[in-house]
Amino acid sequence: MLTIGEVAARAGVNPSHIRYYEDVGVLPEPERVSGQRRYDEAILQRLSVIDVAQRAGMSLDEIRDLTGPGEQLRDIADR
């Protein structure tokens, strides 16, 4: 399990970005250990998807749909 600082360093973003993405629902709430966020390595792939989607001009609402259940992904792909 990774801390928010470790995830931020490996993903090349600030920890505040990660907290913001959680607040707006783009990332799921992480597990907490003694009140501190702990992340699985899979979070790095999700952050990569978010980065690519933002560079492609997608809004955070669209990205939330993209990283959600499969039905929403199909609708986005159709658009």
Protein backbone atom coordinates (compact mmCIF):
# COMPACT_ATOMS: atom_id res chain seq x y z
CA MET A 1 0.00 0.00 0.00
CA LEU A 2 1.24 3.45 -0.95
CA THR A 3 0.88 6.75 0.87
CA ILE A 4 -0.52 9.79 -0.91
CA GLY A 5 2.99 11.25 -1.10
CA GLU A 6 4.35 8.10 -2.75
CA VAL A 7 1.49 8.02 -5.25
CA ALA A 8 1.93 11.71 -6.04
CA ALA A 9 5.68 11.34 -6.58
CA ARG A 10 5.28 8.31 -8.84
CA ALA A 11 2.44 9.87 -10.83
CA GLY A 12 4.11 13.29 -11.11
CA VAL A 13 1.24 15.21 -9.52
CA ASN A 14 0.75 17.09 -6.27
CA PRO A 15 -1.02 15.33 -3.39
CA SER A 16 -3.64 18.09 -3.60
CA HIS A 17 -4.58 16.84 -7.10
CA ILE A 18 -5.26 13.39 -5.71
CA ARG A 19 -7.39 14.76 -2.86
CA TYR A 20 -9.30 16.96 -5.32
CA TYR A 21 -9.96 14.01 -7.66
CA GLU A 22 -11.35 12.10 -4.68
CA ASP A 23 -13.55 15.05 -3.67
CA VAL A 24 -15.11 15.37 -7.13
CA GLY A 25 -15.54 11.61 -7.54
CA VAL A 26 -12.96 10.97 -10.26
CA LEU A 27 -11.05 8.72 -7.86
CA PRO A 28 -12.66 6.50 -5.24
CA GLU A 29 -12.12 7.18 -1.55
CA PRO A 30 -9.03 5.24 -0.49
CA GLU A 31 -8.59 2.86 2.40
CA ARG A 32 -7.34 4.58 5.54
CA VAL A 33 -4.85 3.33 8.08
CA SER A 34 -4.72 5.38 11.29
CA GLY A 35 -6.49 8.16 9.39
CA GLN A 36 -3.95 8.26 6.56
CA ARG A 37 -4.83 7.43 2.98
CA ARG A 38 -3.42 4.17 1.60
CA TYR A 39 -3.56 3.26 -2.07
CA ASP A 40 -3.14 0.11 -4.10
CA GLU A 41 -0.71 0.31 -7.05
CA ALA A 42 -3.74 0.32 -9.41
CA ILE A 43 -4.29 3.99 -8.53
CA LEU A 44 -1.29 4.84 -10.71
CA GLN A 45 -3.04 3.47 -13.79
CA ARG A 46 -6.20 5.42 -12.97
CA LEU A 47 -4.17 8.60 -12.63
CA SER A 48 -2.61 7.89 -16.04
CA VAL A 49 -6.08 7.54 -17.56
CA ILE A 50 -7.14 10.82 -15.97
CA ASP A 51 -4.04 12.57 -17.33
CA VAL A 52 -4.58 11.31 -20.88
CA ALA A 53 -8.28 12.14 -20.78
CA GLN A 54 -7.62 15.68 -19.57
CA ARG A 55 -5.03 16.24 -22.29
CA ALA A 56 -7.62 15.01 -24.79
CA GLY A 57 -9.92 17.79 -23.60
CA MET A 58 -12.34 15.79 -21.48
CA SER A 59 -14.05 17.40 -18.49
CA LEU A 60 -13.84 15.91 -15.01
CA ASP A 61 -17.52 14.90 -15.32
CA GLU A 62 -16.70 12.95 -18.48
CA ILE A 63 -13.63 11.44 -16.84
CA ARG A 64 -15.74 10.39 -13.84
CA ASP A 65 -18.00 8.53 -16.28
CA LEU A 66 -14.97 7.10 -18.08
CA THR A 67 -13.52 5.63 -14.90
CA GLY A 68 -16.92 4.40 -13.67
CA PRO A 69 -19.02 1.36 -14.66
CA GLY A 70 -18.72 -0.07 -18.18
CA GLU A 71 -22.11 1.14 -19.46
CA GLN A 72 -21.06 4.75 -19.06
CA LEU A 73 -17.80 4.05 -20.88
CA ARG A 74 -19.73 2.75 -23.90
CA ASP A 75 -21.84 5.93 -24.01
CA ILE A 76 -18.72 8.11 -23.94
CA ALA A 77 -17.11 6.04 -26.69
CA ASP A 78 -20.23 6.48 -28.83
CA ARG A 79 -20.06 10.28 -28.39
